[in-house]
């Protein structure tokens, strides 16, 4: 998991009862992209983040959460 960024994609998918593949198809990325973003192995581009937020009809901050990094 990325130490500075958390996400709620799995929860949002679960509420909609959709698979990673269905979400990937809906926003125009691969299933592997959804998987790696969900698990925190990949930080998505702004475009992907905005597509996810648009798909789930929520603000991007409801999909992604910036964790305290004690800057």
PDB file of N, CA and C in Angstrom:
ATOM      1  N   UNK A   1       0.851  -1.187   0.000  1.00  0.00           N
ATOM      2  CA  UNK A   1       0.000   0.000   0.000  1.00  0.00           C
ATOM      3  C   UNK A   1       0.888   1.238   0.000  1.00  0.00           C
ATOM      4  N   UNK A   2       0.511   2.219  -0.776  1.00  0.00           N
ATOM      5  CA  UNK A   2       1.232   3.488  -0.817  1.00  0.00           C
ATOM      6  C   UNK A   2       1.149   4.130   0.556  1.00  0.00           C
ATOM      7  N   UNK A   3       2.282   4.615   1.085  1.00  0.00           N
ATOM      8  CA  UNK A   3       2.274   5.149   2.452  1.00  0.00           C
ATOM      9  C   UNK A   3       1.617   6.511   2.581  1.00  0.00           C
ATOM     10  N   UNK A   4       1.347   7.193   1.476  1.00  0.00           N
ATOM     11  CA  UNK A   4       0.749   8.520   1.535  1.00  0.00           C
ATOM     12  C   UNK A   4      -0.653   8.594   0.935  1.00  0.00           C
ATOM     13  N   UNK A   5      -1.076   7.546   0.262  1.00  0.00           N
ATOM     14  CA  UNK A   5      -2.359   7.586  -0.431  1.00  0.00           C
ATOM     15  C   UNK A   5      -3.140   6.309  -0.148  1.00  0.00           C
ATOM     16  N   UNK A   6      -4.368   6.485   0.271  1.00  0.00           N
ATOM     17  CA  UNK A   6      -5.267   5.348   0.484  1.00  0.00           C
ATOM     18  C   UNK A   6      -6.440   5.522  -0.476  1.00  0.00           C
ATOM     19  N   UNK A   7      -7.148   4.449  -0.754  1.00  0.00           N
ATOM     20  CA  UNK A   7      -8.308   4.574  -1.632  1.00  0.00           C
ATOM     21  C   UNK A   7      -9.444   3.691  -1.145  1.00  0.00           C
ATOM     22  N   UNK A   8     -10.624   3.997  -1.653  1.00  0.00           N
ATOM     23  CA  UNK A   8     -11.840   3.299  -1.251  1.00  0.00           C
ATOM     24  C   UNK A   8     -12.516   2.636  -2.455  1.00  0.00           C
ATOM     25  N   UNK A   9     -11.723   2.273  -3.443  1.00  0.00           N
ATOM     26  CA  UNK A   9     -12.259   1.715  -4.680  1.00  0.00           C
ATOM     27  C   UNK A   9     -12.978   0.392  -4.428  1.00  0.00           C
ATOM     28  N   UNK A  10     -12.374  -0.483  -3.649  1.00  0.00           N
ATOM     29  CA  UNK A  10     -13.001  -1.786  -3.396  1.00  0.00           C
ATOM     30  C   UNK A  10     -14.364  -1.610  -2.725  1.00  0.00           C
ATOM     31  N   UNK A  11     -14.455  -0.705  -1.765  1.00  0.00           N
ATOM     32  CA  UNK A  11     -15.737  -0.449  -1.084  1.00  0.00           C
ATOM     33  C   UNK A  11     -16.760   0.113  -2.062  1.00  0.00           C
ATOM     34  N   UNK A  12     -16.317   1.056  -2.891  1.00  0.00           N
ATOM     35  CA  UNK A  12     -17.233   1.652  -3.864  1.00  0.00           C
ATOM     36  C   UNK A  12     -17.698   0.617  -4.877  1.00  0.00           C
ATOM     37  N   UNK A  13     -16.797  -0.260  -5.312  1.00  0.00           N
ATOM     38  CA  UNK A  13     -17.172  -1.329  -6.241  1.00  0.00           C
ATOM     39  C   UNK A  13     -18.166  -2.281  -5.593  1.00  0.00           C
ATOM     40  N   UNK A  14     -17.909  -2.608  -4.337  1.00  0.00           N
ATOM     41  CA  UNK A  14     -18.778  -3.531  -3.617  1.00  0.00           C
ATOM     42  C   UNK A  14     -20.203  -2.979  -3.508  1.00  0.00           C
ATOM     43  N   UNK A  15     -20.311  -1.695  -3.223  1.00  0.00           N
ATOM     44  CA  UNK A  15     -21.641  -1.077  -3.129  1.00  0.00           C
ATOM     45  C   UNK A  15     -22.400  -1.162  -4.440  1.00  0.00           C
ATOM     46  N   UNK A  16     -21.669  -1.055  -5.545  1.00  0.00           N
ATOM     47  CA  UNK A  16     -22.299  -1.130  -6.877  1.00  0.00           C
ATOM     48  C   UNK A  16     -22.397  -2.561  -7.391  1.00  0.00           C
ATOM     49  N   UNK A  17     -21.767  -3.478  -6.661  1.00  0.00           N
ATOM     50  CA  UNK A  17     -21.748  -4.888  -7.053  1.00  0.00           C
ATOM     51  C   UNK A  17     -21.163  -5.073  -8.460  1.00  0.00           C
ATOM     52  N   UNK A  18     -19.996  -4.456  -8.669  1.00  0.00           N
ATOM     53  CA  UNK A  18     -19.310  -4.594  -9.952  1.00  0.00           C
ATOM     54  C   UNK A  18     -17.913  -5.175  -9.740  1.00  0.00           C
ATOM     55  N   UNK A  19     -17.431  -5.848 -10.750  1.00  0.00           N
ATOM     56  CA  UNK A  19     -16.094  -6.439 -10.704  1.00  0.00           C
ATOM     57  C   UNK A  19     -15.043  -5.412 -11.118  1.00  0.00           C
ATOM     58  N   UNK A  20     -13.792  -5.772 -10.888  1.00  0.00           N
ATOM     59  CA  UNK A  20     -12.698  -4.920 -11.360  1.00  0.00           C
ATOM     60  C   UNK A  20     -12.770  -4.773 -12.878  1.00  0.00           C
ATOM     61  N   UNK A  21     -13.104  -5.854 -13.567  1.00  0.00           N
ATOM     62  CA  UNK A  21     -13.186  -5.796 -15.025  1.00  0.00           C
ATOM     63  C   UNK A  21     -14.286  -4.858 -15.487  1.00  0.00           C
ATOM     64  N   UNK A  22     -15.440  -4.921 -14.845  1.00  0.00           N
ATOM     65  CA  UNK A  22     -16.541  -4.025 -15.224  1.00  0.00           C
ATOM     66  C   UNK A  22     -16.173  -2.561 -15.001  1.00  0.00           C
ATOM     67  N   UNK A  23     -15.494  -2.279 -13.889  1.00  0.00           N
ATOM     68  CA  UNK A  23     -15.056  -0.910 -13.625  1.00  0.00           C
ATOM     69  C   UNK A  23     -14.015  -0.476 -14.650  1.00  0.00           C
ATOM     70  N   UNK A  24     -13.075  -1.347 -14.928  1.00  0.00           N
ATOM     71  CA  UNK A  24     -12.036  -1.042 -15.915  1.00  0.00           C
ATOM     72  C   UNK A  24     -12.652  -0.722 -17.272  1.00  0.00           C
ATOM     73  N   UNK A  25     -13.592  -1.543 -17.703  1.00  0.00           N
ATOM     74  CA  UNK A  25     -14.263  -1.311 -18.984  1.00  0.00           C
ATOM     75  C   UNK A  25     -14.994   0.026 -18.987  1.00  0.00           C
ATOM     76  N   UNK A  26     -15.620   0.359 -17.874  1.00  0.00           N
ATOM     77  CA  UNK A  26     -16.410   1.589 -17.786  1.00  0.00           C
ATOM     78  C   UNK A  26     -15.562   2.849 -17.873  1.00  0.00           C
ATOM     79  N   UNK A  27     -14.318   2.785 -17.354  1.00  0.00           N
ATOM     80  CA  UNK A  27     -13.490   3.998 -17.372  1.00  0.00           C
ATOM     81  C   UNK A  27     -12.353   3.936 -18.387  1.00  0.00           C
ATOM     82  N   UNK A  28     -12.280   2.838 -19.143  1.00  0.00           N
ATOM     83  CA  UNK A  28     -11.310   2.758 -20.238  1.00  0.00           C
ATOM     84  C   UNK A  28      -9.882   2.434 -19.846  1.00  0.00           C
ATOM     85  N   UNK A  29      -9.732   1.566 -18.839  1.00  0.00           N
ATOM     86  CA  UNK A  29      -8.396   1.108 -18.450  1.00  0.00           C
ATOM     87  C   UNK A  29      -8.425  -0.410 -18.352  1.00  0.00           C
ATOM     88  N   UNK A  30      -7.271  -1.010 -18.066  1.00  0.00           N
ATOM     89  CA  UNK A  30      -7.228  -2.461 -17.922  1.00  0.00           C
ATOM     90  C   UNK A  30      -7.649  -2.881 -16.520  1.00  0.00           C
ATOM     91  N   UNK A  31      -8.032  -4.145 -16.392  1.00  0.00           N
ATOM     92  CA  UNK A  31      -8.366  -4.683 -15.081  1.00  0.00           C
ATOM     93  C   UNK A  31      -7.154  -4.626 -14.162  1.00  0.00           C
ATOM     94  N   UNK A  32      -5.974  -4.850 -14.736  1.00  0.00           N
ATOM     95  CA  UNK A  32      -4.744  -4.803 -13.944  1.00  0.00           C
ATOM     96  C   UNK A  32      -4.522  -3.400 -13.374  1.00  0.00           C
ATOM     97  N   UNK A  33      -4.871  -2.371 -14.126  1.00  0.00           N
ATOM     98  CA  UNK A  33      -4.746  -1.001 -13.608  1.00  0.00           C
ATOM     99  C   UNK A  33      -5.626  -0.825 -12.381  1.00  0.00           C
ATOM    100  N   UNK A  34      -6.868  -1.283 -12.468  1.00  0.00           N
ATOM    101  CA  UNK A  34      -7.774  -1.172 -11.319  1.00  0.00           C
ATOM    102  C   UNK A  34      -7.198  -1.938 -10.142  1.00  0.00           C
ATOM    103  N   UNK A  35      -6.719  -3.142 -10.377  1.00  0.00           N
ATOM    104  CA  UNK A  35      -6.160  -3.968  -9.306  1.00  0.00           C
ATOM    105  C   UNK A  35      -4.976  -3.293  -8.630  1.00  0.00           C
ATOM    106  N   UNK A  36      -4.041  -2.772  -9.422  1.00  0.00           N
ATOM    107  CA  UNK A  36      -2.840  -2.174  -8.830  1.00  0.00           C
ATOM    108  C   UNK A  36      -3.138  -0.854  -8.126  1.00  0.00           C
ATOM    109  N   UNK A  37      -4.112  -0.108  -8.616  1.00  0.00           N
ATOM    110  CA  UNK A  37      -4.518   1.119  -7.915  1.00  0.00           C
ATOM    111  C   UNK A  37      -5.211   0.741  -6.609  1.00  0.00           C
ATOM    112  N   UNK A  38      -6.121  -0.219  -6.674  1.00  0.00           N
ATOM    113  CA  UNK A  38      -6.865  -0.659  -5.485  1.00  0.00           C
ATOM    114  C   UNK A  38      -5.944  -1.117  -4.371  1.00  0.00           C
ATOM    115  N   UNK A  39      -4.901  -1.840  -4.717  1.00  0.00           N
ATOM    116  CA  UNK A  39      -3.987  -2.386  -3.711  1.00  0.00           C
ATOM    117  C   UNK A  39      -2.882  -1.414  -3.329  1.00  0.00           C
ATOM    118  N   UNK A  40      -2.823  -0.263  -3.987  1.00  0.00           N
ATOM    119  CA  UNK A  40      -1.828   0.739  -3.640  1.00  0.00           C
ATOM    120  C   UNK A  40      -0.459   0.519  -4.250  1.00  0.00           C
ATOM    121  N   UNK A  41      -0.351  -0.426  -5.179  1.00  0.00           N
ATOM    122  CA  UNK A  41       0.937  -0.658  -5.843  1.00  0.00           C
ATOM    123  C   UNK A  41       1.193   0.363  -6.939  1.00  0.00           C
ATOM    124  N   UNK A  42       0.155   1.073  -7.357  1.00  0.00           N
ATOM    125  CA  UNK A  42       0.264   2.056  -8.437  1.00  0.00           C
ATOM    126  C   UNK A  42      -0.536   3.288  -8.054  1.00  0.00           C
ATOM    127  N   UNK A  43       0.091   4.454  -8.164  1.00  0.00           N
ATOM    128  CA  UNK A  43      -0.614   5.714  -7.929  1.00  0.00           C
ATOM    129  C   UNK A  43      -1.182   6.169  -9.265  1.00  0.00           C
ATOM    130  N   UNK A  44      -2.489   6.338  -9.341  1.00  0.00           N
ATOM    131  CA  UNK A  44      -3.102   6.661 -10.631  1.00  0.00           C
ATOM    132  C   UNK A  44      -2.817   8.085 -11.074  1.00  0.00           C
ATOM    133  N   UNK A  45      -2.933   8.292 -12.361  1.00  0.00           N
ATOM    134  CA  UNK A  45      -2.847   9.647 -12.905  1.00  0.00           C
ATOM    135  C   UNK A  45      -4.079  10.432 -12.462  1.00  0.00           C
ATOM    136  N   UNK A  46      -3.997  11.722 -12.599  1.00  0.00           N
ATOM    137  CA  UNK A  46      -5.145  12.576 -12.283  1.00  0.00           C
ATOM    138  C   UNK A  46      -6.326  12.190 -13.166  1.00  0.00           C
ATOM    139  N   UNK A  47      -6.072  11.868 -14.408  1.00  0.00           N
ATOM    140  CA  UNK A  47      -7.149  11.502 -15.335  1.00  0.00           C
ATOM    141  C   UNK A  47      -7.883  10.258 -14.836  1.00  0.00           C
ATOM    142  N   UNK A  48      -7.144   9.242 -14.432  1.00  0.00           N
ATOM    143  CA  UNK A  48      -7.774   8.018 -13.933  1.00  0.00           C
ATOM    144  C   UNK A  48      -8.531   8.311 -12.639  1.00  0.00           C
ATOM    145  N   UNK A  49      -7.944   9.089 -11.760  1.00  0.00           N
ATOM    146  CA  UNK A  49      -8.613   9.443 -10.503  1.00  0.00           C
ATOM    147  C   UNK A  49      -9.928  10.164 -10.777  1.00  0.00           C
ATOM    148  N   UNK A  50      -9.916  11.087 -11.716  1.00  0.00           N
ATOM    149  CA  UNK A  50     -11.131  11.828 -12.039  1.00  0.00           C
ATOM    150  C   UNK A  50     -12.167  10.942 -12.723  1.00  0.00           C
ATOM    151  N   UNK A  51     -11.713  10.026 -13.565  1.00  0.00           N
ATOM    152  CA  UNK A  51     -12.648   9.088 -14.201  1.00  0.00           C
ATOM    153  C   UNK A  51     -13.330   8.205 -13.165  1.00  0.00           C
ATOM    154  N   UNK A  52     -12.546   7.754 -12.179  1.00  0.00           N
ATOM    155  CA  UNK A  52     -13.121   6.932 -11.108  1.00  0.00           C
ATOM    156  C   UNK A  52     -14.165   7.724 -10.327  1.00  0.00           C
ATOM    157  N   UNK A  53     -13.823   8.943  -9.955  1.00  0.00           N
ATOM    158  CA  UNK A  53     -14.761   9.784  -9.205  1.00  0.00           C
ATOM    159  C   UNK A  53     -16.028  10.041 -10.020  1.00  0.00           C
ATOM    160  N   UNK A  54     -15.859  10.323 -11.291  1.00  0.00           N
ATOM    161  CA  UNK A  54     -17.026  10.571 -12.154  1.00  0.00           C
ATOM    162  C   UNK A  54     -17.894   9.320 -12.246  1.00  0.00           C
ATOM    163  N   UNK A  55     -17.255   8.166 -12.420  1.00  0.00           N
ATOM    164  CA  UNK A  55     -18.010   6.920 -12.533  1.00  0.00           C
ATOM    165  C   UNK A  55     -18.842   6.675 -11.274  1.00  0.00           C
ATOM    166  N   UNK A  56     -18.223   6.859 -10.101  1.00  0.00           N
ATOM    167  CA  UNK A  56     -18.920   6.606  -8.845  1.00  0.00           C
ATOM    168  C   UNK A  56     -19.794   7.788  -8.406  1.00  0.00           C
ATOM    169  N   UNK A  57     -19.733   8.875  -9.158  1.00  0.00           N
ATOM    170  CA  UNK A  57     -20.535  10.075  -8.886  1.00  0.00           C
ATOM    171  C   UNK A  57     -20.274  10.628  -7.483  1.00  0.00           C
ATOM    172  N   UNK A  58     -18.974  10.723  -7.168  1.00  0.00           N
ATOM    173  CA  UNK A  58     -18.541  11.264  -5.877  1.00  0.00           C
ATOM    174  C   UNK A  58     -17.337  12.177  -6.118  1.00  0.00           C
ATOM    175  N   UNK A  59     -17.027  13.039  -5.155  1.00  0.00           N
ATOM    176  CA  UNK A  59     -15.805  13.836  -5.273  1.00  0.00           C
ATOM    177  C   UNK A  59     -14.574  12.918  -5.233  1.00  0.00           C
ATOM    178  N   UNK A  60     -13.518  13.332  -5.861  1.00  0.00           N
ATOM    179  CA  UNK A  60     -12.303  12.518  -5.907  1.00  0.00           C
ATOM    180  C   UNK A  60     -11.800  12.198  -4.493  1.00  0.00           C
ATOM    181  N   UNK A  61     -12.059  13.104  -3.539  1.00  0.00           N
ATOM    182  CA  UNK A  61     -11.646  12.860  -2.153  1.00  0.00           C
ATOM    183  C   UNK A  61     -12.431  11.724  -1.504  1.00  0.00           C
ATOM    184  N   UNK A  62     -13.536  11.331  -2.104  1.00  0.00           N
ATOM    185  CA  UNK A  62     -14.286  10.179  -1.601  1.00  0.00           C
ATOM    186  C   UNK A  62     -13.722   8.870  -2.146  1.00  0.00           C
ATOM    187  N   UNK A  63     -12.920   8.967  -3.182  1.00  0.00           N
ATOM    188  CA  UNK A  63     -12.270   7.782  -3.750  1.00  0.00           C
ATOM    189  C   UNK A  63     -10.867   7.629  -3.171  1.00  0.00           C
ATOM    190  N   UNK A  64     -10.152   8.738  -3.067  1.00  0.00           N
ATOM    191  CA  UNK A  64      -8.768   8.736  -2.592  1.00  0.00           C
ATOM    192  C   UNK A  64      -8.633   9.596  -1.351  1.00  0.00           C
ATOM    193  N   UNK A  65      -7.738   9.159  -0.468  1.00  0.00           N
ATOM    194  CA  UNK A  65      -7.501   9.887   0.771  1.00  0.00           C
ATOM    195  C   UNK A  65      -5.997  10.083   0.924  1.00  0.00           C
ATOM    196  N   UNK A  66      -5.583  11.306   1.094  1.00  0.00           N
ATOM    197  CA  UNK A  66      -4.181  11.618   1.335  1.00  0.00           C
ATOM    198  C   UNK A  66      -3.905  11.429   2.814  1.00  0.00           C
ATOM    199  N   UNK A  67      -2.984  10.531   3.116  1.00  0.00           N
ATOM    200  CA  UNK A  67      -2.665  10.254   4.509  1.00  0.00           C
ATOM    201  C   UNK A  67      -1.633  11.253   5.022  1.00  0.00           C
ATOM    202  N   UNK A  68      -1.653  11.502   6.294  1.00  0.00           N
ATOM    203  CA  UNK A  68      -0.682  12.424   6.888  1.00  0.00           C
ATOM    204  C   UNK A  68       0.724  11.895   6.656  1.00  0.00           C
ATOM    205  N   UNK A  69       1.596  12.788   6.168  1.00  0.00           N
ATOM    206  CA  UNK A  69       2.982  12.394   5.944  1.00  0.00           C
ATOM    207  C   UNK A  69       3.926  13.183   6.844  1.00  0.00           C
ATOM    208  N   UNK A  70       3.354  13.919   7.783  1.00  0.00           N
ATOM    209  CA  UNK A  70       4.139  14.696   8.753  1.00  0.00           C
ATOM    210  C   UNK A  70       5.181  15.583   8.078  1.00  0.00           C
ATOM    211  N   UNK A  71       4.778  16.283   7.028  1.00  0.00           N
ATOM    212  CA  UNK A  71       5.693  17.181   6.315  1.00  0.00           C
ATOM    213  C   UNK A  71       6.125  18.315   7.198  1.00  0.00           C
TER     214      UNK A  71
END
